[in-house]
Amino acid sequence: MKRAIILAIASTSITFSGTAAKAADFINILTGGTSGVYYPLGVALSKIYGEKIEGARTQVQATKASVENLNLLQQGRGEIAFALGDSVKLAWEGNTDAGFKAPLDKLRGIAAIYPNYIQIMASKESGIATLADFKGKSLSVGAPKSGTELNARAILAAAGMSYADLGKTEYLPFAESVELMKNRQLDATLQSAGLGVSSFKDLATSVEVQMVTIPEEIATKLGAPYISATVPAGTYQGQTSDVKTVAVVNFLITHSEVSDETAYQMTKQLFENLPALEAAHKAAANIRIEDALKGMPVPLHPGAERFYKEKGLL
């Protein structure tokens, strides 16, 4: 009875309030594991949206990242999600090997954000310095069919290898992979994340490690959305020189059933509050409005489109 009264009051406020559309909106932000970059940025976005979008109620959901996030969006179980560009492209196409049973036709774009660097950290004692050194060694490639795992498969294939060439393949999230390495039960872990990811910072301060080089020709062979990139010296403790790797751009994605006003506000508040995101994680320093539409693998949400038109980008 009490619940019915509360619902009746809520219904009345939606009918008569001038901010009805906004007041009725719930924004669930789909991120990744708590030791990655998506999660702290999602927490920061939640705070921004909760404070800046009138009447919005926000929630942050830790997930297995890209593939799970995109499937959840298609089901209407989230309003905005972080995802890797290659995962978004495969989701739109309905690539079953990547974890998409059918084309995810409800996906809509909000913005290209920062690049994910595919970073591989190996224990010093493993002797792994190049991709060729992985033969017979153990590697954690991220949760099964996560964006990270899709990256791992692609990179090994470009190097003429597969999981069959490894001594052992572990399908573990970032934090669990690091724990295994600390306990000397794993030779290396591949993690797709922004620079300075907390899991690698933790690992580098706990055991002797080295970054594994991914040469430029691998990025060339892979093609878009992969690009050649560099992990600058000093990103992690003990890393005394630059390390070549590959990167892939991350996107913020929503779905077609999110209201135009909410999508507009989510896009607008993202770009008007970049310092707050950068305070949550330095990866956000690479988010630039002039790059927001580059390589978008899905149609823009009309609400996001309205924002970019206002800014003269469309």
C-alpha atoms as a PDB file:
ATOM      1  CA  MET A   1       0.000   0.000   0.000  1.00  0.00           C
ATOM      2  CA  LYS A   2       2.776   2.380   1.007  1.00  0.00           C
ATOM      3  CA  ARG A   3       4.650   1.555  -2.220  1.00  0.00           C
ATOM      4  CA  ALA A   4       1.486   2.222  -4.258  1.00  0.00           C
ATOM      5  CA  ILE A   5       1.142   5.687  -2.675  1.00  0.00           C
ATOM      6  CA  ILE A   6       4.795   6.490  -3.432  1.00  0.00           C
ATOM      7  CA  LEU A   7       4.354   5.363  -7.044  1.00  0.00           C
ATOM      8  CA  ALA A   8       1.181   7.450  -7.356  1.00  0.00           C
ATOM      9  CA  ILE A   9       3.047  10.539  -6.070  1.00  0.00           C
ATOM     10  CA  ALA A  10       5.914   9.861  -8.496  1.00  0.00           C
ATOM     11  CA  SER A  11       3.430   9.510 -11.340  1.00  0.00           C
ATOM     12  CA  THR A  12       1.805  12.818 -10.410  1.00  0.00           C
ATOM     13  CA  SER A  13       5.178  14.592 -10.372  1.00  0.00           C
ATOM     14  CA  ILE A  14       5.958  13.230 -13.825  1.00  0.00           C
ATOM     15  CA  THR A  15       2.612  14.517 -15.110  1.00  0.00           C
ATOM     16  CA  PHE A  16       2.889  18.069 -13.779  1.00  0.00           C
ATOM     17  CA  SER A  17       6.621  18.799 -13.451  1.00  0.00           C
ATOM     18  CA  GLY A  18       8.271  20.961 -16.082  1.00  0.00           C
ATOM     19  CA  THR A  19      11.352  18.699 -15.931  1.00  0.00           C
ATOM     20  CA  ALA A  20       9.365  15.482 -16.240  1.00  0.00           C
ATOM     21  CA  ALA A  21      11.554  13.807 -18.864  1.00  0.00           C
ATOM     22  CA  LYS A  22      14.688  14.424 -16.860  1.00  0.00           C
ATOM     23  CA  ALA A  23      13.146  13.569 -13.490  1.00  0.00           C
ATOM     24  CA  ALA A  24      12.074  10.154 -14.736  1.00  0.00           C
ATOM     25  CA  ASP A  25      15.547   9.194 -16.008  1.00  0.00           C
ATOM     26  CA  PHE A  26      17.731   6.545 -14.437  1.00  0.00           C
ATOM     27  CA  ILE A  27      21.285   6.326 -15.777  1.00  0.00           C
ATOM     28  CA  ASN A  28      23.099   3.025 -15.233  1.00  0.00           C
ATOM     29  CA  ILE A  29      26.746   3.374 -16.272  1.00  0.00           C
ATOM     30  CA  LEU A  30      28.343   0.109 -17.444  1.00  0.00           C
ATOM     31  CA  THR A  31      32.085   0.012 -16.826  1.00  0.00           C
ATOM     32  CA  GLY A  32      34.542  -2.878 -16.288  1.00  0.00           C
ATOM     33  CA  GLY A  33      36.519  -4.465 -13.462  1.00  0.00           C
ATOM     34  CA  THR A  34      37.194  -2.267 -10.442  1.00  0.00           C
ATOM     35  CA  SER A  35      40.974  -2.359 -11.008  1.00  0.00           C
ATOM     36  CA  GLY A  36      40.750  -1.065 -14.588  1.00  0.00           C
ATOM     37  CA  VAL A  37      40.217   2.449 -15.993  1.00  0.00           C
ATOM     38  CA  TYR A  38      36.554   2.205 -17.010  1.00  0.00           C
ATOM     39  CA  TYR A  39      35.392   1.863 -13.411  1.00  0.00           C
ATOM     40  CA  PRO A  40      36.914   5.032 -11.849  1.00  0.00           C
ATOM     41  CA  LEU A  41      35.853   7.040 -14.902  1.00  0.00           C
ATOM     42  CA  GLY A  42      32.359   5.584 -14.582  1.00  0.00           C
ATOM     43  CA  VAL A  43      32.241   6.629 -10.936  1.00  0.00           C
ATOM     44  CA  ALA A  44      33.282  10.166 -11.934  1.00  0.00           C
ATOM     45  CA  LEU A  45      30.649  10.250 -14.705  1.00  0.00           C
ATOM     46  CA  SER A  46      28.017   9.077 -12.234  1.00  0.00           C
ATOM     47  CA  LYS A  47      28.831  11.984  -9.925  1.00  0.00           C
ATOM     48  CA  ILE A  48      28.796  14.477 -12.823  1.00  0.00           C
ATOM     49  CA  TYR A  49      25.487  13.216 -14.190  1.00  0.00           C
ATOM     50  CA  GLY A  50      23.902  13.030 -10.749  1.00  0.00           C
ATOM     51  CA  GLU A  51      24.852  16.637 -10.010  1.00  0.00           C
ATOM     52  CA  LYS A  52      24.463  18.234 -13.452  1.00  0.00           C
ATOM     53  CA  ILE A  53      21.459  16.478 -15.028  1.00  0.00           C
ATOM     54  CA  GLU A  54      18.335  17.636 -13.253  1.00  0.00           C
ATOM     55  CA  GLY A  55      16.438  14.787 -11.597  1.00  0.00           C
ATOM     56  CA  ALA A  56      18.794  12.062 -12.843  1.00  0.00           C
ATOM     57  CA  ARG A  57      19.440   9.040 -10.651  1.00  0.00           C
ATOM     58  CA  THR A  58      22.731   7.301 -11.392  1.00  0.00           C
ATOM     59  CA  GLN A  59      24.359   3.955 -10.742  1.00  0.00           C
ATOM     60  CA  VAL A  60      27.745   2.476 -11.638  1.00  0.00           C
ATOM     61  CA  GLN A  61      27.896  -1.206 -12.569  1.00  0.00           C
ATOM     62  CA  ALA A  62      31.170  -3.164 -12.579  1.00  0.00           C
ATOM     63  CA  THR A  63      31.151  -5.671 -15.463  1.00  0.00           C
ATOM     64  CA  LYS A  64      33.426  -7.813 -17.625  1.00  0.00           C
ATOM     65  CA  ALA A  65      33.711  -4.697 -19.828  1.00  0.00           C
ATOM     66  CA  SER A  66      33.182  -4.205 -23.574  1.00  0.00           C
ATOM     67  CA  VAL A  67      31.353  -7.320 -24.817  1.00  0.00           C
ATOM     68  CA  GLU A  68      29.125  -7.676 -21.760  1.00  0.00           C
ATOM     69  CA  ASN A  69      28.431  -3.931 -21.739  1.00  0.00           C
ATOM     70  CA  LEU A  70      27.270  -3.905 -25.349  1.00  0.00           C
ATOM     71  CA  ASN A  71      25.017  -6.919 -24.871  1.00  0.00           C
ATOM     72  CA  LEU A  72      23.515  -5.272 -21.770  1.00  0.00           C
ATOM     73  CA  LEU A  73      22.828  -2.059 -23.729  1.00  0.00           C
ATOM     74  CA  GLN A  74      21.009  -4.037 -26.423  1.00  0.00           C
ATOM     75  CA  GLN A  75      18.831  -5.526 -23.667  1.00  0.00           C
ATOM     76  CA  GLY A  76      18.106  -2.060 -22.236  1.00  0.00           C
ATOM     77  CA  ARG A  77      19.953  -2.912 -19.019  1.00  0.00           C
ATOM     78  CA  GLY A  78      22.158   0.172 -19.046  1.00  0.00           C
ATOM     79  CA  GLU A  79      22.012   3.696 -20.443  1.00  0.00           C
ATOM     80  CA  ILE A  80      25.678   4.362 -21.255  1.00  0.00           C
ATOM     81  CA  ALA A  81      28.692   2.082 -21.486  1.00  0.00           C
ATOM     82  CA  PHE A  82      32.427   2.096 -22.046  1.00  0.00           C
ATOM     83  CA  ALA A  83      33.583  -0.190 -24.876  1.00  0.00           C
ATOM     84  CA  LEU A  84      36.538  -0.763 -27.154  1.00  0.00           C
ATOM     85  CA  GLY A  85      36.141   0.292 -30.774  1.00  0.00           C
ATOM     86  CA  ASP A  86      36.782  -3.149 -32.239  1.00  0.00           C
ATOM     87  CA  SER A  87      34.193  -4.680 -29.900  1.00  0.00           C
ATOM     88  CA  VAL A  88      31.623  -2.043 -30.925  1.00  0.00           C
ATOM     89  CA  LYS A  89      32.256  -2.759 -34.614  1.00  0.00           C
ATOM     90  CA  LEU A  90      31.918  -6.534 -34.096  1.00  0.00           C
ATOM     91  CA  ALA A  91      28.749  -6.008 -32.008  1.00  0.00           C
ATOM     92  CA  TRP A  92      27.124  -3.944 -34.766  1.00  0.00           C
ATOM     93  CA  GLU A  93      28.020  -6.689 -37.269  1.00  0.00           C
ATOM     94  CA  GLY A  94      26.782  -9.464 -34.954  1.00  0.00           C
ATOM     95  CA  ASN A  95      30.064 -11.402 -34.859  1.00  0.00           C
ATOM     96  CA  THR A  96      29.242 -14.637 -33.010  1.00  0.00           C
ATOM     97  CA  ASP A  97      32.904 -15.530 -32.351  1.00  0.00           C
ATOM     98  CA  ALA A  98      33.275 -12.240 -30.482  1.00  0.00           C
ATOM     99  CA  GLY A  99      30.278 -12.983 -28.246  1.00  0.00           C
ATOM    100  CA  PHE A 100      27.393 -11.365 -30.147  1.00  0.00           C
ATOM    101  CA  LYS A 101      24.565 -13.747 -31.112  1.00  0.00           C
ATOM    102  CA  ALA A 102      23.052 -11.270 -33.565  1.00  0.00           C
ATOM    103  CA  PRO A 103      23.733  -7.697 -34.752  1.00  0.00           C
ATOM    104  CA  LEU A 104      23.203  -5.282 -31.841  1.00  0.00           C
ATOM    105  CA  ASP A 105      21.055  -2.864 -33.813  1.00  0.00           C
ATOM    106  CA  LYS A 106      19.990  -0.690 -30.861  1.00  0.00           C
ATOM    107  CA  LEU A 107      23.514   0.604 -30.183  1.00  0.00           C
ATOM    108  CA  ARG A 108      24.030   4.340 -30.664  1.00  0.00           C
ATOM    109  CA  GLY A 109      27.155   6.467 -30.329  1.00  0.00           C
ATOM    110  CA  ILE A 110      27.882   9.147 -27.744  1.00  0.00           C
ATOM    111  CA  ALA A 111      31.615   9.848 -28.177  1.00  0.00           C
ATOM    112  CA  ALA A 112      35.060   8.520 -28.976  1.00  0.00           C
ATOM    113  CA  ILE A 113      37.073   9.005 -25.811  1.00  0.00           C
ATOM    114  CA  TYR A 114      40.658   7.937 -24.998  1.00  0.00           C
ATOM    115  CA  PRO A 115      42.777   5.172 -26.573  1.00  0.00           C
ATOM    116  CA  ASN A 116      43.234   1.864 -24.797  1.00  0.00           C
ATOM    117  CA  TYR A 117      46.845   0.749 -24.863  1.00  0.00           C
ATOM    118  CA  ILE A 118      47.309  -2.995 -25.217  1.00  0.00           C
ATOM    119  CA  GLN A 119      49.918  -3.468 -22.525  1.00  0.00           C
ATOM    120  CA  ILE A 120      51.702  -6.713 -21.788  1.00  0.00           C
ATOM    121  CA  MET A 121      53.650  -7.086 -18.557  1.00  0.00           C
ATOM    122  CA  ALA A 122      55.814 -10.160 -17.965  1.00  0.00           C
ATOM    123  CA  SER A 123      57.822 -11.242 -14.954  1.00  0.00           C
ATOM    124  CA  LYS A 124      61.565 -10.665 -15.369  1.00  0.00           C
ATOM    125  CA  GLU A 125      62.286 -14.290 -14.570  1.00  0.00           C
ATOM    126  CA  SER A 126      60.039 -15.472 -17.453  1.00  0.00           C
ATOM    127  CA  GLY A 127      62.503 -14.031 -19.971  1.00  0.00           C
ATOM    128  CA  ILE A 128      59.651 -12.746 -22.141  1.00  0.00           C
ATOM    129  CA  ALA A 129      60.545  -9.562 -24.045  1.00  0.00           C
ATOM    130  CA  THR A 130      58.865 -10.074 -27.439  1.00  0.00           C
ATOM    131  CA  LEU A 131      55.698 -11.782 -28.723  1.00  0.00           C
ATOM    132  CA  ALA A 132      57.771 -14.662 -30.094  1.00  0.00           C
ATOM    133  CA  ASP A 133      58.962 -15.393 -26.533  1.00  0.00           C
ATOM    134  CA  PHE A 134      55.428 -16.436 -25.513  1.00  0.00           C
ATOM    135  CA  LYS A 135      55.755 -19.905 -27.031  1.00  0.00           C
ATOM    136  CA  GLY A 136      55.354 -22.376 -24.183  1.00  0.00           C
ATOM    137  CA  LYS A 137      54.726 -19.631 -21.601  1.00  0.00           C
ATOM    138  CA  SER A 138      51.602 -18.786 -19.589  1.00  0.00           C
ATOM    139  CA  LEU A 139      49.556 -15.664 -20.382  1.00  0.00           C
ATOM    140  CA  SER A 140      46.344 -14.207 -18.964  1.00  0.00           C
ATOM    141  CA  VAL A 141      44.273 -12.658 -21.754  1.00  0.00           C
ATOM    142  CA  GLY A 142      41.379 -11.141 -19.785  1.00  0.00           C
ATOM    143  CA  ALA A 143      37.873 -12.417 -19.116  1.00  0.00           C
ATOM    144  CA  PRO A 144      36.512 -14.724 -21.878  1.00  0.00           C
ATOM    145  CA  LYS A 145      35.246 -12.759 -24.909  1.00  0.00           C
ATOM    146  CA  SER A 146      35.965  -9.446 -23.178  1.00  0.00           C
ATOM    147  CA  GLY A 147      37.319  -6.584 -25.271  1.00  0.00           C
ATOM    148  CA  THR A 148      40.767  -7.342 -23.851  1.00  0.00           C
ATOM    149  CA  GLU A 149      40.527 -10.993 -24.872  1.00  0.00           C
ATOM    150  CA  LEU A 150      39.481 -10.025 -28.401  1.00  0.00           C
ATOM    151  CA  ASN A 151      42.572  -7.780 -28.527  1.00  0.00           C
ATOM    152  CA  ALA A 152      44.784 -10.640 -27.333  1.00  0.00           C
ATOM    153  CA  ARG A 153      43.506 -12.980 -30.053  1.00  0.00           C
ATOM    154  CA  ALA A 154      43.975 -10.344 -32.747  1.00  0.00           C
ATOM    155  CA  ILE A 155      47.524  -9.463 -31.694  1.00  0.00           C
ATOM    156  CA  LEU A 156      48.690 -13.072 -31.437  1.00  0.00           C
ATOM    157  CA  ALA A 157      47.145 -13.816 -34.847  1.00  0.00           C
ATOM    158  CA  ALA A 158      48.942 -10.824 -36.387  1.00  0.00           C
ATOM    159  CA  ALA A 159      52.184 -12.240 -34.961  1.00  0.00           C
ATOM    160  CA  GLY A 160      51.449 -15.622 -36.564  1.00  0.00           C
ATOM    161  CA  MET A 161      50.494 -17.240 -33.268  1.00  0.00           C
ATOM    162  CA  SER A 162      47.446 -18.509 -31.387  1.00  0.00           C
ATOM    163  CA  TYR A 163      46.560 -19.673 -27.883  1.00  0.00           C
ATOM    164  CA  ALA A 164      47.726 -23.146 -28.957  1.00  0.00           C
ATOM    165  CA  ASP A 165      51.309 -21.812 -29.027  1.00  0.00           C
ATOM    166  CA  LEU A 166      51.139 -20.801 -25.364  1.00  0.00           C
ATOM    167  CA  GLY A 167      52.036 -23.121 -22.527  1.00  0.00           C
ATOM    168  CA  LYS A 168      48.853 -22.074 -20.715  1.00  0.00           C
ATOM    169  CA  THR A 169      46.097 -19.519 -21.350  1.00  0.00           C
ATOM    170  CA  GLU A 170      44.300 -17.953 -18.383  1.00  0.00           C
ATOM    171  CA  TYR A 171      41.030 -16.034 -18.851  1.00  0.00           C
ATOM    172  CA  LEU A 172      41.123 -13.733 -15.856  1.00  0.00           C
ATOM    173  CA  PRO A 173      40.260 -10.109 -15.016  1.00  0.00           C
ATOM    174  CA  PHE A 174      43.108  -7.658 -14.367  1.00  0.00           C
ATOM    175  CA  ALA A 175      43.305  -7.928 -10.582  1.00  0.00           C
ATOM    176  CA  GLU A 176      43.237 -11.735 -10.511  1.00  0.00           C
ATOM    177  CA  SER A 177      45.934 -11.915 -13.202  1.00  0.00           C
ATOM    178  CA  VAL A 178      48.169  -9.672 -11.108  1.00  0.00           C
ATOM    179  CA  GLU A 179      47.685 -11.821  -8.018  1.00  0.00           C
ATOM    180  CA  LEU A 180      48.767 -14.922  -9.950  1.00  0.00           C
ATOM    181  CA  MET A 181      51.894 -13.117 -11.149  1.00  0.00           C
ATOM    182  CA  LYS A 182      52.725 -11.990  -7.641  1.00  0.00           C
ATOM    183  CA  ASN A 183      52.505 -15.635  -6.567  1.00  0.00           C
ATOM    184  CA  ARG A 184      54.706 -16.709  -9.510  1.00  0.00           C
ATOM    185  CA  GLN A 185      51.888 -18.798 -10.997  1.00  0.00           C
ATOM    186  CA  LEU A 186      51.728 -16.841 -14.263  1.00  0.00           C
ATOM    187  CA  ASP A 187      54.390 -15.553 -16.658  1.00  0.00           C
ATOM    188  CA  ALA A 188      52.561 -12.555 -18.121  1.00  0.00           C
ATOM    189  CA  THR A 189      49.294 -10.666 -18.416  1.00  0.00           C
ATOM    190  CA  LEU A 190      47.883  -8.707 -21.356  1.00  0.00           C
ATOM    191  CA  GLN A 191      45.654  -5.824 -20.343  1.00  0.00           C
ATOM    192  CA  SER A 192      43.839  -3.373 -22.584  1.00  0.00           C
ATOM    193  CA  ALA A 193      43.511  -0.133 -20.623  1.00  0.00           C
ATOM    194  CA  GLY A 194      44.541   3.490 -20.326  1.00  0.00           C
ATOM    195  CA  LEU A 195      48.133   4.287 -19.411  1.00  0.00           C
ATOM    196  CA  GLY A 196      48.885   4.011 -15.705  1.00  0.00           C
ATOM    197  CA  VAL A 197      46.243   1.337 -15.049  1.00  0.00           C
ATOM    198  CA  SER A 198      46.188   0.579 -11.309  1.00  0.00           C
ATOM    199  CA  SER A 199      46.588  -3.196 -11.719  1.00  0.00           C
ATOM    200  CA  PHE A 200      49.923  -2.750 -13.522  1.00  0.00           C
ATOM    201  CA  LYS A 201      51.063  -0.094 -11.055  1.00  0.00           C
ATOM    202  CA  ASP A 202      50.400  -2.577  -8.269  1.00  0.00           C
ATOM    203  CA  LEU A 203      52.239  -5.382 -10.090  1.00  0.00           C
ATOM    204  CA  ALA A 204      55.278  -3.244 -10.938  1.00  0.00           C
ATOM    205  CA  THR A 205      55.749  -2.288  -7.286  1.00  0.00           C
ATOM    206  CA  SER A 206      55.404  -5.902  -6.100  1.00  0.00           C
ATOM    207  CA  VAL A 207      57.640  -8.003  -8.381  1.00  0.00           C
ATOM    208  CA  GLU A 208      60.331  -7.443 -11.011  1.00  0.00           C
ATOM    209  CA  VAL A 209      58.590  -7.072 -14.368  1.00  0.00           C
ATOM    210  CA  GLN A 210      59.192  -5.892 -17.904  1.00  0.00           C
ATOM    211  CA  MET A 211      56.895  -4.553 -20.611  1.00  0.00           C
ATOM    212  CA  VAL A 212      56.661  -6.645 -23.776  1.00  0.00           C
ATOM    213  CA  THR A 213      57.131  -4.844 -27.095  1.00  0.00           C
ATOM    214  CA  ILE A 214      54.406  -4.994 -29.742  1.00  0.00           C
ATOM    215  CA  PRO A 215      56.134  -3.727 -32.902  1.00  0.00           C
ATOM    216  CA  GLU A 216      54.645  -1.222 -35.322  1.00  0.00           C
ATOM    217  CA  GLU A 217      54.225  -3.833 -38.061  1.00  0.00           C
ATOM    218  CA  ILE A 218      51.625  -5.595 -35.896  1.00  0.00           C
ATOM    219  CA  ALA A 219      49.508  -2.410 -35.824  1.00  0.00           C
ATOM    220  CA  THR A 220      49.914  -2.074 -39.604  1.00  0.00           C
ATOM    221  CA  LYS A 221      48.854  -5.694 -40.138  1.00  0.00           C
ATOM    222  CA  LEU A 222      45.821  -5.305 -37.858  1.00  0.00           C
ATOM    223  CA  GLY A 223      44.638  -2.045 -39.428  1.00  0.00           C
ATOM    224  CA  ALA A 224      41.782   0.133 -38.108  1.00  0.00           C
ATOM    225  CA  PRO A 225      40.711   0.567 -35.370  1.00  0.00           C
ATOM    226  CA  TYR A 226      44.235  -0.411 -34.173  1.00  0.00           C
ATOM    227  CA  ILE A 227      47.036   2.148 -34.254  1.00  0.00           C
ATOM    228  CA  SER A 228      50.712   2.076 -33.300  1.00  0.00           C
ATOM    229  CA  ALA A 229      51.388   3.636 -29.896  1.00  0.00           C
ATOM    230  CA  THR A 230      54.016   4.068 -27.202  1.00  0.00           C
ATOM    231  CA  VAL A 231      53.966   3.479 -23.454  1.00  0.00           C
ATOM    232  CA  PRO A 232      56.236   6.332 -22.265  1.00  0.00           C
ATOM    233  CA  ALA A 233      59.191   5.576 -19.989  1.00  0.00           C
ATOM    234  CA  GLY A 234      58.295   5.939 -16.324  1.00  0.00           C
ATOM    235  CA  THR A 235      54.632   4.999 -16.757  1.00  0.00           C
ATOM    236  CA  TYR A 236      55.287   2.106 -14.371  1.00  0.00           C
ATOM    237  CA  GLN A 237      57.934   1.619 -11.700  1.00  0.00           C
ATOM    238  CA  GLY A 238      61.146   0.222 -13.163  1.00  0.00           C
ATOM    239  CA  GLN A 239      60.168   1.058 -16.764  1.00  0.00           C
ATOM    240  CA  THR A 240      63.219   3.001 -17.867  1.00  0.00           C
ATOM    241  CA  SER A 241      62.502   3.305 -21.604  1.00  0.00           C
ATOM    242  CA  ASP A 242      59.623   3.833 -24.032  1.00  0.00           C
ATOM    243  CA  VAL A 243      57.874   0.634 -25.133  1.00  0.00           C
ATOM    244  CA  LYS A 244      56.174   0.226 -28.530  1.00  0.00           C
ATOM    245  CA  THR A 245      52.675  -1.207 -28.461  1.00  0.00           C
ATOM    246  CA  VAL A 246      49.307  -0.877 -30.193  1.00  0.00           C
ATOM    247  CA  ALA A 247      46.215   1.018 -29.120  1.00  0.00           C
ATOM    248  CA  VAL A 248      42.512   1.018 -29.943  1.00  0.00           C
ATOM    249  CA  VAL A 249      40.091   3.857 -29.251  1.00  0.00           C
ATOM    250  CA  ASN A 250      37.422   3.532 -26.549  1.00  0.00           C
ATOM    251  CA  PHE A 251      33.883   4.767 -27.064  1.00  0.00           C
ATOM    252  CA  LEU A 252      30.962   5.743 -24.889  1.00  0.00           C
ATOM    253  CA  ILE A 253      27.898   4.006 -26.312  1.00  0.00           C
ATOM    254  CA  THR A 254      24.197   4.231 -25.492  1.00  0.00           C
ATOM    255  CA  HIS A 255      21.087   2.685 -27.087  1.00  0.00           C
ATOM    256  CA  SER A 256      18.174   3.890 -29.187  1.00  0.00           C
ATOM    257  CA  GLU A 257      15.585   3.771 -26.388  1.00  0.00           C
ATOM    258  CA  VAL A 258      17.422   6.346 -24.253  1.00  0.00           C
ATOM    259  CA  SER A 259      15.622   9.691 -24.615  1.00  0.00           C
ATOM    260  CA  ASP A 260      17.098  12.374 -26.858  1.00  0.00           C
ATOM    261  CA  GLU A 261      17.323  14.772 -23.922  1.00  0.00           C
ATOM    262  CA  THR A 262      19.204  12.286 -21.743  1.00  0.00           C
ATOM    263  CA  ALA A 263      21.636  11.422 -24.548  1.00  0.00           C
ATOM    264  CA  TYR A 264      22.149  15.152 -25.201  1.00  0.00           C
ATOM    265  CA  GLN A 265      22.849  15.830 -21.529  1.00  0.00           C
ATOM    266  CA  MET A 266      25.165  12.807 -21.152  1.00  0.00           C
ATOM    267  CA  THR A 267      27.227  14.074 -24.103  1.00  0.00           C
ATOM    268  CA  LYS A 268      27.179  17.725 -23.030  1.00  0.00           C
ATOM    269  CA  GLN A 269      28.117  17.024 -19.396  1.00  0.00           C
ATOM    270  CA  LEU A 270      30.915  14.682 -20.474  1.00  0.00           C
ATOM    271  CA  PHE A 271      32.705  17.437 -22.388  1.00  0.00           C
ATOM    272  CA  GLU A 272      31.882  20.243 -19.962  1.00  0.00           C
ATOM    273  CA  ASN A 273      33.407  18.352 -17.026  1.00  0.00           C
ATOM    274  CA  LEU A 274      36.597  16.818 -18.400  1.00  0.00           C
ATOM    275  CA  PRO A 275      38.764  18.081 -15.476  1.00  0.00           C
ATOM    276  CA  ALA A 276      36.661  15.999 -13.058  1.00  0.00           C
ATOM    277  CA  LEU A 277      37.198  12.920 -15.221  1.00  0.00           C
ATOM    278  CA  GLU A 278      40.934  13.578 -15.448  1.00  0.00           C
ATOM    279  CA  ALA A 279      41.051  13.852 -11.649  1.00  0.00           C
ATOM    280  CA  ALA A 280      39.540  10.349 -11.501  1.00  0.00           C
ATOM    281  CA  HIS A 281      42.101   8.898 -13.926  1.00  0.00           C
ATOM    282  CA  LYS A 282      44.782  10.492 -16.096  1.00  0.00           C
ATOM    283  CA  ALA A 283      43.619   8.473 -19.140  1.00  0.00           C
ATOM    284  CA  ALA A 284      40.836  11.064 -19.441  1.00  0.00           C
ATOM    285  CA  ALA A 285      43.467  13.687 -20.347  1.00  0.00           C
ATOM    286  CA  ASN A 286      43.284  12.201 -23.868  1.00  0.00           C
ATOM    287  CA  ILE A 287      39.551  12.890 -24.300  1.00  0.00           C
ATOM    288  CA  ARG A 288      39.115  15.715 -26.821  1.00  0.00           C
ATOM    289  CA  ILE A 289      35.899  17.008 -28.347  1.00  0.00           C
ATOM    290  CA  GLU A 290      37.582  17.453 -31.739  1.00  0.00           C
ATOM    291  CA  ASP A 291      38.201  13.658 -31.799  1.00  0.00           C
ATOM    292  CA  ALA A 292      34.743  12.687 -30.504  1.00  0.00           C
ATOM    293  CA  LEU A 293      33.342  11.561 -33.870  1.00  0.00           C
ATOM    294  CA  LYS A 294      36.466   9.895 -35.281  1.00  0.00           C
ATOM    295  CA  GLY A 295      35.934   6.269 -36.235  1.00  0.00           C
ATOM    296  CA  MET A 296      32.471   5.973 -34.636  1.00  0.00           C
ATOM    297  CA  PRO A 297      31.443   2.366 -35.494  1.00  0.00           C
ATOM    298  CA  VAL A 298      27.673   2.852 -34.934  1.00  0.00           C
ATOM    299  CA  PRO A 299      25.133   5.610 -35.739  1.00  0.00           C
ATOM    300  CA  LEU A 300      25.149   8.611 -33.421  1.00  0.00           C
ATOM    301  CA  HIS A 301      22.269   8.964 -30.986  1.00  0.00           C
ATOM    302  CA  PRO A 302      20.100  11.937 -32.111  1.00  0.00           C
ATOM    303  CA  GLY A 303      20.654  13.566 -28.704  1.00  0.00           C
ATOM    304  CA  ALA A 304      24.435  13.389 -29.127  1.00  0.00           C
ATOM    305  CA  GLU A 305      24.065  14.600 -32.717  1.00  0.00           C
ATOM    306  CA  ARG A 306      22.239  17.695 -31.447  1.00  0.00           C
ATOM    307  CA  PHE A 307      25.143  18.515 -29.128  1.00  0.00           C
ATOM    308  CA  TYR A 308      27.771  18.171 -31.872  1.00  0.00           C
ATOM    309  CA  LYS A 309      25.724  20.340 -34.224  1.00  0.00           C
ATOM    310  CA  GLU A 310      25.620  23.039 -31.546  1.00  0.00           C
ATOM    311  CA  LYS A 311      29.406  22.832 -31.329  1.00  0.00           C
ATOM    312  CA  GLY A 312      29.821  23.064 -35.094  1.00  0.00           C
ATOM    313  CA  LEU A 313      31.258  19.577 -35.425  1.00  0.00           C
ATOM    314  CA  LEU A 314      28.447  18.331 -37.667  1.00  0.00           C
END
